[in-house]
Each structure stands twice: as C-alpha cells, then as structure tokens.
PDB file of N, CA and C in Angstrom:
ATOM      1  N   UNK A   1       1.571 -15.086   8.793  1.00  0.00           N
ATOM      2  CA  UNK A   1       1.218 -13.700   8.972  1.00  0.00           C
ATOM      3  C   UNK A   1       2.369 -12.923   9.612  1.00  0.00           C
ATOM      4  N   UNK A   2       3.093 -13.567  10.493  1.00  0.00           N
ATOM      5  CA  UNK A   2       4.216 -12.869  11.123  1.00  0.00           C
ATOM      6  C   UNK A   2       5.277 -12.496  10.092  1.00  0.00           C
ATOM      7  N   UNK A   3       5.466 -13.343   9.097  1.00  0.00           N
ATOM      8  CA  UNK A   3       6.456 -13.044   8.059  1.00  0.00           C
ATOM      9  C   UNK A   3       6.061 -11.801   7.272  1.00  0.00           C
ATOM     10  N   UNK A   4       4.771 -11.643   6.996  1.00  0.00           N
ATOM     11  CA  UNK A   4       4.295 -10.451   6.279  1.00  0.00           C
ATOM     12  C   UNK A   4       4.582  -9.217   7.119  1.00  0.00           C
ATOM     13  N   UNK A   5       4.265  -9.290   8.378  1.00  0.00           N
ATOM     14  CA  UNK A   5       4.485  -8.170   9.294  1.00  0.00           C
ATOM     15  C   UNK A   5       5.976  -7.837   9.381  1.00  0.00           C
ATOM     16  N   UNK A   6       6.811  -8.843   9.501  1.00  0.00           N
ATOM     17  CA  UNK A   6       8.247  -8.609   9.627  1.00  0.00           C
ATOM     18  C   UNK A   6       8.871  -8.098   8.335  1.00  0.00           C
ATOM     19  N   UNK A   7       8.487  -8.672   7.217  1.00  0.00           N
ATOM     20  CA  UNK A   7       9.065  -8.265   5.932  1.00  0.00           C
ATOM     21  C   UNK A   7       8.717  -6.813   5.606  1.00  0.00           C
ATOM     22  N   UNK A   8       7.481  -6.427   5.895  1.00  0.00           N
ATOM     23  CA  UNK A   8       7.057  -5.054   5.654  1.00  0.00           C
ATOM     24  C   UNK A   8       7.479  -4.114   6.787  1.00  0.00           C
ATOM     25  N   UNK A   9       7.896  -4.677   7.894  1.00  0.00           N
ATOM     26  CA  UNK A   9       8.253  -3.899   9.088  1.00  0.00           C
ATOM     27  C   UNK A   9       7.088  -3.021   9.527  1.00  0.00           C
ATOM     28  N   UNK A  10       5.908  -3.630   9.573  1.00  0.00           N
ATOM     29  CA  UNK A  10       4.691  -2.950   9.989  1.00  0.00           C
ATOM     30  C   UNK A  10       4.354  -3.363  11.418  1.00  0.00           C
ATOM     31  N   UNK A  11       3.626  -2.519  12.114  1.00  0.00           N
ATOM     32  CA  UNK A  11       3.196  -2.894  13.461  1.00  0.00           C
ATOM     33  C   UNK A  11       2.082  -3.944  13.454  1.00  0.00           C
ATOM     34  N   UNK A  12       1.445  -4.142  12.313  1.00  0.00           N
ATOM     35  CA  UNK A  12       0.374  -5.132  12.205  1.00  0.00           C
ATOM     36  C   UNK A  12       0.316  -5.659  10.785  1.00  0.00           C
ATOM     37  N   UNK A  13      -0.632  -6.532  10.532  1.00  0.00           N
ATOM     38  CA  UNK A  13      -0.815  -7.098   9.196  1.00  0.00           C
ATOM     39  C   UNK A  13      -2.050  -6.457   8.582  1.00  0.00           C
ATOM     40  N   UNK A  14      -1.914  -5.979   7.357  1.00  0.00           N
ATOM     41  CA  UNK A  14      -3.026  -5.305   6.679  1.00  0.00           C
ATOM     42  C   UNK A  14      -4.232  -6.239   6.582  1.00  0.00           C
ATOM     43  N   UNK A  15      -5.408  -5.648   6.671  1.00  0.00           N
ATOM     44  CA  UNK A  15      -6.640  -6.434   6.635  1.00  0.00           C
ATOM     45  C   UNK A  15      -6.777  -7.220   5.327  1.00  0.00           C
ATOM     46  N   UNK A  16      -6.165  -6.724   4.259  1.00  0.00           N
ATOM     47  CA  UNK A  16      -6.191  -7.449   2.989  1.00  0.00           C
ATOM     48  C   UNK A  16      -5.610  -8.847   3.175  1.00  0.00           C
ATOM     49  N   UNK A  17      -4.467  -8.924   3.837  1.00  0.00           N
ATOM     50  CA  UNK A  17      -3.832 -10.226   4.072  1.00  0.00           C
ATOM     51  C   UNK A  17      -4.623 -11.059   5.071  1.00  0.00           C
ATOM     52  N   UNK A  18      -5.200 -10.408   6.044  1.00  0.00           N
ATOM     53  CA  UNK A  18      -6.032 -11.160   6.995  1.00  0.00           C
ATOM     54  C   UNK A  18      -7.235 -11.763   6.266  1.00  0.00           C
ATOM     55  N   UNK A  19      -7.767 -11.043   5.274  1.00  0.00           N
ATOM     56  CA  UNK A  19      -8.855 -11.582   4.459  1.00  0.00           C
ATOM     57  C   UNK A  19      -8.398 -12.770   3.634  1.00  0.00           C
ATOM     58  N   UNK A  20      -7.204 -12.652   3.053  1.00  0.00           N
ATOM     59  CA  UNK A  20      -6.669 -13.764   2.260  1.00  0.00           C
ATOM     60  C   UNK A  20      -6.376 -14.987   3.129  1.00  0.00           C
ATOM     61  N   UNK A  21      -6.180 -14.768   4.421  1.00  0.00           N
ATOM     62  CA  UNK A  21      -5.881 -15.883   5.327  1.00  0.00           C
ATOM     63  C   UNK A  21      -7.052 -16.846   5.449  1.00  0.00           C
ATOM     64  N   UNK A  22      -8.233 -16.452   4.974  1.00  0.00           N
ATOM     65  CA  UNK A  22      -9.361 -17.378   4.941  1.00  0.00           C
ATOM     66  C   UNK A  22      -9.099 -18.521   3.973  1.00  0.00           C
ATOM     67  N   UNK A  23      -8.156 -18.318   3.066  1.00  0.00           N
ATOM     68  CA  UNK A  23      -7.717 -19.366   2.143  1.00  0.00           C
ATOM     69  C   UNK A  23      -6.205 -19.511   2.332  1.00  0.00           C
ATOM     70  N   UNK A  24      -5.782 -20.240   3.359  1.00  0.00           N
ATOM     71  CA  UNK A  24      -4.364 -20.299   3.727  1.00  0.00           C
ATOM     72  C   UNK A  24      -3.426 -20.721   2.601  1.00  0.00           C
ATOM     73  N   UNK A  25      -3.827 -21.680   1.793  1.00  0.00           N
ATOM     74  CA  UNK A  25      -2.944 -22.132   0.709  1.00  0.00           C
ATOM     75  C   UNK A  25      -2.717 -21.012  -0.304  1.00  0.00           C
ATOM     76  N   UNK A  26      -3.766 -20.263  -0.622  1.00  0.00           N
ATOM     77  CA  UNK A  26      -3.636 -19.152  -1.558  1.00  0.00           C
ATOM     78  C   UNK A  26      -2.763 -18.062  -0.964  1.00  0.00           C
ATOM     79  N   UNK A  27      -2.992 -17.722   0.302  1.00  0.00           N
ATOM     80  CA  UNK A  27      -2.182 -16.706   0.962  1.00  0.00           C
ATOM     81  C   UNK A  27      -0.715 -17.108   0.954  1.00  0.00           C
ATOM     82  N   UNK A  28      -0.431 -18.333   1.294  1.00  0.00           N
ATOM     83  CA  UNK A  28       0.955 -18.808   1.341  1.00  0.00           C
ATOM     84  C   UNK A  28       1.618 -18.702  -0.022  1.00  0.00           C
ATOM     85  N   UNK A  29       0.938 -19.160  -1.040  1.00  0.00           N
ATOM     86  CA  UNK A  29       1.504 -19.141  -2.392  1.00  0.00           C
ATOM     87  C   UNK A  29       1.726 -17.713  -2.889  1.00  0.00           C
ATOM     88  N   UNK A  30       0.748 -16.866  -2.714  1.00  0.00           N
ATOM     89  CA  UNK A  30       0.892 -15.495  -3.215  1.00  0.00           C
ATOM     90  C   UNK A  30       1.905 -14.708  -2.395  1.00  0.00           C
ATOM     91  N   UNK A  31       1.928 -14.896  -1.078  1.00  0.00           N
ATOM     92  CA  UNK A  31       2.887 -14.157  -0.262  1.00  0.00           C
ATOM     93  C   UNK A  31       4.324 -14.543  -0.622  1.00  0.00           C
ATOM     94  N   UNK A  32       4.560 -15.830  -0.894  1.00  0.00           N
ATOM     95  CA  UNK A  32       5.912 -16.235  -1.292  1.00  0.00           C
ATOM     96  C   UNK A  32       6.363 -15.495  -2.538  1.00  0.00           C
ATOM     97  N   UNK A  33       5.452 -15.295  -3.476  1.00  0.00           N
ATOM     98  CA  UNK A  33       5.804 -14.574  -4.706  1.00  0.00           C
ATOM     99  C   UNK A  33       5.949 -13.078  -4.451  1.00  0.00           C
ATOM    100  N   UNK A  34       5.035 -12.491  -3.682  1.00  0.00           N
ATOM    101  CA  UNK A  34       5.091 -11.049  -3.391  1.00  0.00           C
ATOM    102  C   UNK A  34       6.319 -10.727  -2.537  1.00  0.00           C
ATOM    103  N   UNK A  35       6.640 -11.609  -1.615  1.00  0.00           N
ATOM    104  CA  UNK A  35       7.741 -11.397  -0.666  1.00  0.00           C
ATOM    105  C   UNK A  35       9.061 -11.077  -1.378  1.00  0.00           C
ATOM    106  N   UNK A  36       9.272 -11.681  -2.523  1.00  0.00           N
ATOM    107  CA  UNK A  36      10.530 -11.456  -3.246  1.00  0.00           C
ATOM    108  C   UNK A  36      10.653 -10.020  -3.739  1.00  0.00           C
ATOM    109  N   UNK A  37       9.531  -9.339  -3.885  1.00  0.00           N
ATOM    110  CA  UNK A  37       9.546  -7.956  -4.376  1.00  0.00           C
ATOM    111  C   UNK A  37       9.640  -6.928  -3.246  1.00  0.00           C
ATOM    112  N   UNK A  38       9.056  -7.261  -2.109  1.00  0.00           N
ATOM    113  CA  UNK A  38       9.031  -6.321  -0.985  1.00  0.00           C
ATOM    114  C   UNK A  38      10.461  -6.017  -0.546  1.00  0.00           C
ATOM    115  N   UNK A  39      10.780  -4.759  -0.498  1.00  0.00           N
ATOM    116  CA  UNK A  39      12.121  -4.349  -0.108  1.00  0.00           C
ATOM    117  C   UNK A  39      13.100  -4.234  -1.261  1.00  0.00           C
ATOM    118  N   UNK A  40      12.673  -4.630  -2.467  1.00  0.00           N
ATOM    119  CA  UNK A  40      13.569  -4.522  -3.619  1.00  0.00           C
ATOM    120  C   UNK A  40      13.700  -3.060  -4.026  1.00  0.00           C
ATOM    121  N   UNK A  41      14.689  -2.775  -4.842  1.00  0.00           N
ATOM    122  CA  UNK A  41      14.899  -1.400  -5.301  1.00  0.00           C
ATOM    123  C   UNK A  41      13.705  -0.898  -6.110  1.00  0.00           C
ATOM    124  N   UNK A  42      13.191  -1.735  -7.012  1.00  0.00           N
ATOM    125  CA  UNK A  42      12.068  -1.295  -7.840  1.00  0.00           C
ATOM    126  C   UNK A  42      10.810  -1.078  -6.992  1.00  0.00           C
ATOM    127  N   UNK A  43      10.591  -1.907  -5.993  1.00  0.00           N
ATOM    128  CA  UNK A  43       9.451  -1.749  -5.087  1.00  0.00           C
ATOM    129  C   UNK A  43       9.593  -0.421  -4.339  1.00  0.00           C
ATOM    130  N   UNK A  44      10.767  -0.139  -3.847  1.00  0.00           N
ATOM    131  CA  UNK A  44      11.014   1.105  -3.130  1.00  0.00           C
ATOM    132  C   UNK A  44      10.834   2.330  -4.005  1.00  0.00           C
ATOM    133  N   UNK A  45      11.288   2.241  -5.250  1.00  0.00           N
ATOM    134  CA  UNK A  45      11.127   3.365  -6.177  1.00  0.00           C
ATOM    135  C   UNK A  45       9.651   3.601  -6.494  1.00  0.00           C
ATOM    136  N   UNK A  46       8.925   2.521  -6.725  1.00  0.00           N
ATOM    137  CA  UNK A  46       7.500   2.657  -7.037  1.00  0.00           C
ATOM    138  C   UNK A  46       6.751   3.225  -5.830  1.00  0.00           C
ATOM    139  N   UNK A  47       7.160   2.804  -4.645  1.00  0.00           N
ATOM    140  CA  UNK A  47       6.529   3.309  -3.429  1.00  0.00           C
ATOM    141  C   UNK A  47       6.780   4.815  -3.281  1.00  0.00           C
ATOM    142  N   UNK A  48       7.993   5.254  -3.536  1.00  0.00           N
ATOM    143  CA  UNK A  48       8.293   6.684  -3.454  1.00  0.00           C
ATOM    144  C   UNK A  48       7.521   7.476  -4.496  1.00  0.00           C
ATOM    145  N   UNK A  49       7.382   6.924  -5.701  1.00  0.00           N
ATOM    146  CA  UNK A  49       6.584   7.585  -6.744  1.00  0.00           C
ATOM    147  C   UNK A  49       5.122   7.686  -6.327  1.00  0.00           C
ATOM    148  N   UNK A  50       4.613   6.632  -5.732  1.00  0.00           N
ATOM    149  CA  UNK A  50       3.228   6.608  -5.269  1.00  0.00           C
ATOM    150  C   UNK A  50       3.003   7.653  -4.186  1.00  0.00           C
ATOM    151  N   UNK A  51       3.927   7.748  -3.242  1.00  0.00           N
ATOM    152  CA  UNK A  51       3.807   8.742  -2.177  1.00  0.00           C
ATOM    153  C   UNK A  51       3.868  10.160  -2.737  1.00  0.00           C
ATOM    154  N   UNK A  52       4.771  10.399  -3.684  1.00  0.00           N
ATOM    155  CA  UNK A  52       4.894  11.734  -4.286  1.00  0.00           C
ATOM    156  C   UNK A  52       3.615  12.103  -5.036  1.00  0.00           C
ATOM    157  N   UNK A  53       3.069  11.153  -5.789  1.00  0.00           N
ATOM    158  CA  UNK A  53       1.829  11.401  -6.513  1.00  0.00           C
ATOM    159  C   UNK A  53       0.690  11.699  -5.543  1.00  0.00           C
ATOM    160  N   UNK A  54       0.584  10.928  -4.481  1.00  0.00           N
ATOM    161  CA  UNK A  54      -0.477  11.135  -3.499  1.00  0.00           C
ATOM    162  C   UNK A  54      -0.360  12.510  -2.851  1.00  0.00           C
ATOM    163  N   UNK A  55       0.845  12.917  -2.517  1.00  0.00           N
ATOM    164  CA  UNK A  55       1.033  14.229  -1.900  1.00  0.00           C
ATOM    165  C   UNK A  55       0.674  15.352  -2.873  1.00  0.00           C
ATOM    166  N   UNK A  56       1.057  15.208  -4.124  1.00  0.00           N
ATOM    167  CA  UNK A  56       0.731  16.223  -5.130  1.00  0.00           C
ATOM    168  C   UNK A  56      -0.781  16.335  -5.313  1.00  0.00           C
ATOM    169  N   UNK A  57      -1.435  15.191  -5.479  1.00  0.00           N
ATOM    170  CA  UNK A  57      -2.886  15.202  -5.677  1.00  0.00           C
ATOM    171  C   UNK A  57      -3.625  15.721  -4.449  1.00  0.00           C
ATOM    172  N   UNK A  58      -3.152  15.358  -3.272  1.00  0.00           N
ATOM    173  CA  UNK A  58      -3.795  15.851  -2.054  1.00  0.00           C
ATOM    174  C   UNK A  58      -3.658  17.360  -1.957  1.00  0.00           C
ATOM    175  N   UNK A  59      -2.478  17.868  -2.256  1.00  0.00           N
ATOM    176  CA  UNK A  59      -2.258  19.314  -2.181  1.00  0.00           C
ATOM    177  C   UNK A  59      -3.111  20.052  -3.206  1.00  0.00           C
ATOM    178  N   UNK A  60      -3.245  19.488  -4.391  1.00  0.00           N
ATOM    179  CA  UNK A  60      -4.000  20.149  -5.460  1.00  0.00           C
ATOM    180  C   UNK A  60      -5.511  20.035  -5.295  1.00  0.00           C
ATOM    181  N   UNK A  61      -5.976  18.904  -4.784  1.00  0.00           N
ATOM    182  CA  UNK A  61      -7.415  18.639  -4.822  1.00  0.00           C
ATOM    183  C   UNK A  61      -8.095  18.526  -3.459  1.00  0.00           C
ATOM    184  N   UNK A  62      -7.330  18.305  -2.422  1.00  0.00           N
ATOM    185  CA  UNK A  62      -7.972  18.106  -1.125  1.00  0.00           C
ATOM    186  C   UNK A  62      -7.647  19.209  -0.129  1.00  0.00           C
ATOM    187  N   UNK A  63      -6.383  19.399   0.135  1.00  0.00           N
ATOM    188  CA  UNK A  63      -5.974  20.335   1.181  1.00  0.00           C
ATOM    189  C   UNK A  63      -6.423  21.749   0.865  1.00  0.00           C
ATOM    190  N   UNK A  64      -6.333  22.142  -0.381  1.00  0.00           N
ATOM    191  CA  UNK A  64      -6.720  23.510  -0.747  1.00  0.00           C
ATOM    192  C   UNK A  64      -8.219  23.743  -0.639  1.00  0.00           C
ATOM    193  N   UNK A  65      -9.000  22.673  -0.553  1.00  0.00           N
ATOM    194  CA  UNK A  65     -10.453  22.809  -0.489  1.00  0.00           C
ATOM    195  C   UNK A  65     -11.008  22.631   0.918  1.00  0.00           C
ATOM    196  N   UNK A  66     -10.138  22.538   1.908  1.00  0.00           N
ATOM    197  CA  UNK A  66     -10.611  22.399   3.284  1.00  0.00           C
ATOM    198  C   UNK A  66     -11.359  23.655   3.699  1.00  0.00           C
ATOM    199  N   UNK A  67     -12.493  23.466   4.338  1.00  0.00           N
ATOM    200  CA  UNK A  67     -13.266  24.622   4.788  1.00  0.00           C
ATOM    201  C   UNK A  67     -13.059  24.896   6.270  1.00  0.00           C
ATOM    202  N   UNK A  68     -12.491  23.932   6.973  1.00  0.00           N
ATOM    203  CA  UNK A  68     -12.227  24.140   8.391  1.00  0.00           C
ATOM    204  C   UNK A  68     -10.733  24.379   8.583  1.00  0.00           C
ATOM    205  N   UNK A  69     -10.375  25.171   9.552  1.00  0.00           N
ATOM    206  CA  UNK A  69      -8.947  25.421   9.774  1.00  0.00           C
ATOM    207  C   UNK A  69      -8.241  24.144  10.214  1.00  0.00           C
ATOM    208  N   UNK A  70      -7.033  24.004   9.745  1.00  0.00           N
ATOM    209  CA  UNK A  70      -6.237  22.845  10.138  1.00  0.00           C
ATOM    210  C   UNK A  70      -5.590  23.118  11.484  1.00  0.00           C
ATOM    211  N   UNK A  71      -5.639  22.126  12.338  1.00  0.00           N
ATOM    212  CA  UNK A  71      -5.019  22.250  13.653  1.00  0.00           C
ATOM    213  C   UNK A  71      -4.159  21.023  13.898  1.00  0.00           C
ATOM    214  N   UNK A  72      -3.058  21.192  14.593  1.00  0.00           N
ATOM    215  CA  UNK A  72      -2.226  20.018  14.883  1.00  0.00           C
ATOM    216  C   UNK A  72      -2.963  19.047  15.800  1.00  0.00           C
ATOM    217  N   UNK A  73      -2.809  17.770  15.514  1.00  0.00           N
ATOM    218  CA  UNK A  73      -3.453  16.748  16.338  1.00  0.00           C
ATOM    219  C   UNK A  73      -2.506  16.272  17.419  1.00  0.00           C
ATOM    220  N   UNK A  74      -3.018  15.471  18.336  1.00  0.00           N
ATOM    221  CA  UNK A  74      -2.148  14.899  19.370  1.00  0.00           C
ATOM    222  C   UNK A  74      -1.038  14.062  18.732  1.00  0.00           C
ATOM    223  N   UNK A  75       0.111  14.073  19.328  1.00  0.00           N
ATOM    224  CA  UNK A  75       1.280  13.373  18.778  1.00  0.00           C
ATOM    225  C   UNK A  75       1.010  11.893  18.492  1.00  0.00           C
ATOM    226  N   UNK A  76       0.355  11.140  19.385  1.00  0.00           N
ATOM    227  CA  UNK A  76       0.093   9.726  19.069  1.00  0.00           C
ATOM    228  C   UNK A  76      -0.785   9.552  17.829  1.00  0.00           C
ATOM    229  N   UNK A  77      -1.741  10.433  17.641  1.00  0.00           N
ATOM    230  CA  UNK A  77      -2.606  10.352  16.463  1.00  0.00           C
ATOM    231  C   UNK A  77      -1.803  10.631  15.204  1.00  0.00           C
ATOM    232  N   UNK A  78      -0.947  11.631  15.256  1.00  0.00           N
ATOM    233  CA  UNK A  78      -0.092  11.954  14.112  1.00  0.00           C
ATOM    234  C   UNK A  78       0.806  10.780  13.762  1.00  0.00           C
ATOM    235  N   UNK A  79       1.330  10.098  14.761  1.00  0.00           N
ATOM    236  CA  UNK A  79       2.207   8.942  14.518  1.00  0.00           C
ATOM    237  C   UNK A  79       1.441   7.797  13.863  1.00  0.00           C
ATOM    238  N   UNK A  80       0.228   7.547  14.327  1.00  0.00           N
ATOM    239  CA  UNK A  80      -0.592   6.477  13.737  1.00  0.00           C
ATOM    240  C   UNK A  80      -0.923   6.811  12.286  1.00  0.00           C
ATOM    241  N   UNK A  81      -1.311   8.057  12.029  1.00  0.00           N
ATOM    242  CA  UNK A  81      -1.626   8.465  10.662  1.00  0.00           C
ATOM    243  C   UNK A  81      -0.410   8.350   9.755  1.00  0.00           C
ATOM    244  N   UNK A  82       0.764   8.665  10.277  1.00  0.00           N
ATOM    245  CA  UNK A  82       1.989   8.555   9.480  1.00  0.00           C
ATOM    246  C   UNK A  82       2.264   7.108   9.084  1.00  0.00           C
ATOM    247  N   UNK A  83       1.987   6.164   9.972  1.00  0.00           N
ATOM    248  CA  UNK A  83       2.180   4.743   9.644  1.00  0.00           C
ATOM    249  C   UNK A  83       1.287   4.357   8.468  1.00  0.00           C
ATOM    250  N   UNK A  84       0.041   4.802   8.500  1.00  0.00           N
ATOM    251  CA  UNK A  84      -0.862   4.504   7.393  1.00  0.00           C
ATOM    252  C   UNK A  84      -0.412   5.208   6.119  1.00  0.00           C
ATOM    253  N   UNK A  85      -0.066   6.478   6.242  1.00  0.00           N
ATOM    254  CA  UNK A  85       0.273   7.287   5.070  1.00  0.00           C
ATOM    255  C   UNK A  85       1.541   6.822   4.365  1.00  0.00           C
ATOM    256  N   UNK A  86       2.569   6.546   5.127  1.00  0.00           N
ATOM    257  CA  UNK A  86       3.864   6.245   4.518  1.00  0.00           C
ATOM    258  C   UNK A  86       4.187   4.757   4.427  1.00  0.00           C
ATOM    259  N   UNK A  87       3.488   3.903   5.167  1.00  0.00           N
ATOM    260  CA  UNK A  87       3.855   2.496   5.205  1.00  0.00           C
ATOM    261  C   UNK A  87       2.731   1.571   4.768  1.00  0.00           C
ATOM    262  N   UNK A  88       1.641   1.520   5.536  1.00  0.00           N
ATOM    263  CA  UNK A  88       0.614   0.513   5.286  1.00  0.00           C
ATOM    264  C   UNK A  88      -0.088   0.682   3.939  1.00  0.00           C
ATOM    265  N   UNK A  89      -0.567   1.866   3.658  1.00  0.00           N
ATOM    266  CA  UNK A  89      -1.354   2.063   2.434  1.00  0.00           C
ATOM    267  C   UNK A  89      -0.511   1.903   1.173  1.00  0.00           C
ATOM    268  N   UNK A  90       0.665   2.537   1.067  1.00  0.00           N
ATOM    269  CA  UNK A  90       1.456   2.319  -0.162  1.00  0.00           C
ATOM    270  C   UNK A  90       1.856   0.855  -0.357  1.00  0.00           C
ATOM    271  N   UNK A  91       2.276   0.193   0.720  1.00  0.00           N
ATOM    272  CA  UNK A  91       2.659  -1.216   0.598  1.00  0.00           C
ATOM    273  C   UNK A  91       1.474  -2.069   0.177  1.00  0.00           C
ATOM    274  N   UNK A  92       0.324  -1.796   0.730  1.00  0.00           N
ATOM    275  CA  UNK A  92      -0.872  -2.560   0.379  1.00  0.00           C
ATOM    276  C   UNK A  92      -1.233  -2.366  -1.088  1.00  0.00           C
ATOM    277  N   UNK A  93      -1.193  -1.142  -1.575  1.00  0.00           N
ATOM    278  CA  UNK A  93      -1.499  -0.892  -2.988  1.00  0.00           C
ATOM    279  C   UNK A  93      -0.524  -1.631  -3.907  1.00  0.00           C
ATOM    280  N   UNK A  94       0.741  -1.599  -3.576  1.00  0.00           N
ATOM    281  CA  UNK A  94       1.730  -2.291  -4.400  1.00  0.00           C
ATOM    282  C   UNK A  94       1.538  -3.804  -4.348  1.00  0.00           C
ATOM    283  N   UNK A  95       1.297  -4.345  -3.164  1.00  0.00           N
ATOM    284  CA  UNK A  95       1.126  -5.792  -3.034  1.00  0.00           C
ATOM    285  C   UNK A  95      -0.119  -6.278  -3.774  1.00  0.00           C
ATOM    286  N   UNK A  96      -1.213  -5.547  -3.686  1.00  0.00           N
ATOM    287  CA  UNK A  96      -2.438  -5.942  -4.387  1.00  0.00           C
ATOM    288  C   UNK A  96      -2.205  -5.922  -5.901  1.00  0.00           C
ATOM    289  N   UNK A  97      -1.475  -4.923  -6.394  1.00  0.00           N
ATOM    290  CA  UNK A  97      -1.164  -4.862  -7.826  1.00  0.00           C
ATOM    291  C   UNK A  97      -0.320  -6.064  -8.239  1.00  0.00           C
ATOM    292  N   UNK A  98       0.657  -6.432  -7.418  1.00  0.00           N
ATOM    293  CA  UNK A  98       1.487  -7.604  -7.722  1.00  0.00           C
ATOM    294  C   UNK A  98       0.647  -8.881  -7.750  1.00  0.00           C
ATOM    295  N   UNK A  99      -0.225  -9.043  -6.782  1.00  0.00           N
ATOM    296  CA  UNK A  99      -1.050 -10.251  -6.722  1.00  0.00           C
ATOM    297  C   UNK A  99      -2.000 -10.302  -7.910  1.00  0.00           C
ATOM    298  N   UNK A 100      -2.567  -9.165  -8.290  1.00  0.00           N
ATOM    299  CA  UNK A 100      -3.446  -9.125  -9.461  1.00  0.00           C
ATOM    300  C   UNK A 100      -2.690  -9.578 -10.705  1.00  0.00           C
ATOM    301  N   UNK A 101      -1.474  -9.099 -10.863  1.00  0.00           N
ATOM    302  CA  UNK A 101      -0.664  -9.500 -12.027  1.00  0.00           C
ATOM    303  C   UNK A 101      -0.322 -10.985 -11.965  1.00  0.00           C
ATOM    304  N   UNK A 102      -0.050 -11.518 -10.781  1.00  0.00           N
ATOM    305  CA  UNK A 102       0.293 -12.941 -10.654  1.00  0.00           C
ATOM    306  C   UNK A 102      -0.892 -13.854 -10.928  1.00  0.00           C
ATOM    307  N   UNK A 103      -2.095 -13.328 -10.832  1.00  0.00           N
ATOM    308  CA  UNK A 103      -3.284 -14.124 -11.109  1.00  0.00           C
ATOM    309  C   UNK A 103      -3.576 -14.183 -12.603  1.00  0.00           C
ATOM    310  N   UNK A 104      -2.555 -13.902 -13.394  1.00  0.00           N
ATOM    311  CA  UNK A 104      -2.666 -13.905 -14.849  1.00  0.00           C
ATOM    312  C   UNK A 104      -3.579 -12.810 -15.367  1.00  0.00           C
ATOM    313  N   UNK A 105      -3.630 -11.722 -14.646  1.00  0.00           N
ATOM    314  CA  UNK A 105      -4.370 -10.553 -15.084  1.00  0.00           C
ATOM    315  C   UNK A 105      -3.432  -9.354 -15.147  1.00  0.00           C
ATOM    316  N   UNK A 106      -2.255  -9.493 -15.767  1.00  0.00           N
ATOM    317  CA  UNK A 106      -1.318  -8.366 -15.765  1.00  0.00           C
ATOM    318  C   UNK A 106      -1.895  -7.115 -16.404  1.00  0.00           C
ATOM    319  N   UNK A 107      -2.754  -7.296 -17.414  1.00  0.00           N
ATOM    320  CA  UNK A 107      -3.358  -6.134 -18.055  1.00  0.00           C
ATOM    321  C   UNK A 107      -4.307  -5.411 -17.112  1.00  0.00           C
ATOM    322  N   UNK A 108      -4.910  -6.122 -16.168  1.00  0.00           N
ATOM    323  CA  UNK A 108      -5.848  -5.495 -15.231  1.00  0.00           C
ATOM    324  C   UNK A 108      -5.140  -4.470 -14.360  1.00  0.00           C
ATOM    325  N   UNK A 109      -3.902  -4.752 -13.995  1.00  0.00           N
ATOM    326  CA  UNK A 109      -3.147  -3.811 -13.177  1.00  0.00           C
ATOM    327  C   UNK A 109      -2.926  -2.490 -13.873  1.00  0.00           C
ATOM    328  N   UNK A 110      -2.805  -2.505 -15.181  1.00  0.00           N
ATOM    329  CA  UNK A 110      -2.583  -1.281 -15.929  1.00  0.00           C
ATOM    330  C   UNK A 110      -3.858  -0.613 -16.399  1.00  0.00           C
ATOM    331  N   UNK A 111      -4.987  -1.316 -16.301  1.00  0.00           N
ATOM    332  CA  UNK A 111      -6.242  -0.766 -16.801  1.00  0.00           C
ATOM    333  C   UNK A 111      -7.107  -0.147 -15.713  1.00  0.00           C
ATOM    334  N   UNK A 112      -7.029  -0.640 -14.513  1.00  0.00           N
ATOM    335  CA  UNK A 112      -7.874  -0.126 -13.457  1.00  0.00           C
ATOM    336  C   UNK A 112      -7.452   1.286 -13.064  1.00  0.00           C
ATOM    337  N   UNK A 113      -8.423   2.164 -12.919  1.00  0.00           N
ATOM    338  CA  UNK A 113      -8.080   3.531 -12.519  1.00  0.00           C
ATOM    339  C   UNK A 113      -7.620   3.577 -11.069  1.00  0.00           C
ATOM    340  N   UNK A 114      -7.802   2.489 -10.335  1.00  0.00           N
ATOM    341  CA  UNK A 114      -7.379   2.446  -8.931  1.00  0.00           C
ATOM    342  C   UNK A 114      -5.990   1.846  -8.775  1.00  0.00           C
ATOM    343  N   UNK A 115      -5.432   1.284  -9.825  1.00  0.00           N
ATOM    344  CA  UNK A 115      -4.158   0.583  -9.744  1.00  0.00           C
ATOM    345  C   UNK A 115      -2.983   1.558  -9.734  1.00  0.00           C
ATOM    346  N   UNK A 116      -1.978   1.202  -8.950  1.00  0.00           N
ATOM    347  CA  UNK A 116      -0.767   2.017  -8.921  1.00  0.00           C
ATOM    348  C   UNK A 116       0.099   1.733 -10.144  1.00  0.00           C
ATOM    349  N   UNK A 117      -0.280   0.717 -10.938  1.00  0.00           N
ATOM    350  CA  UNK A 117       0.469   0.409 -12.150  1.00  0.00           C
ATOM    351  C   UNK A 117      -0.094   1.118 -13.363  1.00  0.00           C
ATOM    352  N   UNK A 118      -1.284   1.678 -13.228  1.00  0.00           N
ATOM    353  CA  UNK A 118      -1.912   2.367 -14.364  1.00  0.00           C
ATOM    354  C   UNK A 118      -1.103   3.614 -14.731  1.00  0.00           C
ATOM    355  N   UNK A 119      -1.009   3.858 -15.999  1.00  0.00           N
ATOM    356  CA  UNK A 119      -0.222   5.011 -16.455  1.00  0.00           C
ATOM    357  C   UNK A 119      -1.095   6.142 -16.864  1.00  0.00           C
TER     358      UNK A 119
END
C-alpha cells in the first residue's frame, strides 16, 4: 500500500485499493501492472484530458445551476478538495480503467458510460 501512495504521490491510499487489499495476491498482481503506467506520458495526458472534460462539464451543467451564492471556504477545506479534484479522483478513474482492461475486459472500458476510456 505504501508503494501505491508513493507512486501516486498521494497523502493516502484510495479506498478502491484498500478494498482490493482484501485479496492481497490480486492487489499485488494488478498494482504491479498498473504501476508501470502511473506517471507515464500517456497517463499524464489522459489525466489532463479528464480534468479538462470535468471542468467543462461542471461549468456547463453544475456551476451555472447553483441556486445558492458561492462563497470561499476555509483554506484547509479548499486544499483538501483540491487533492480530491486534481489528484485522487482522476488517478482512481484511470487506474480502475486500466485494471478493468487487464481483467480481459478491454471492451468494457470503452463501453461503460462511466469509463474515462469511453469515447
């Protein structure tokens, strides 16, 4: 688990991986395969595309529909939210897509409406 945290440079390990830790052999095998992609150029590009898409969709469909005025939050809260927004959630989506493809379901990654690989 420490390797996952260090490779992703996260303050913690995503609950997805903690769930997979219930089957240590599976976690070890899949993390070794996913680890080779984390930090690669293609992983970074896909992550930036994912963040850009999320920001566009949020601006078009969520932020414009807020009924309450937006107010700045406390600095520590903003920092925690930024970790989730820019680091934990995009990395988790990419890693889950990679693991799904490695389970011999590569088509599933492109078919699910929740997948970051879907076109």
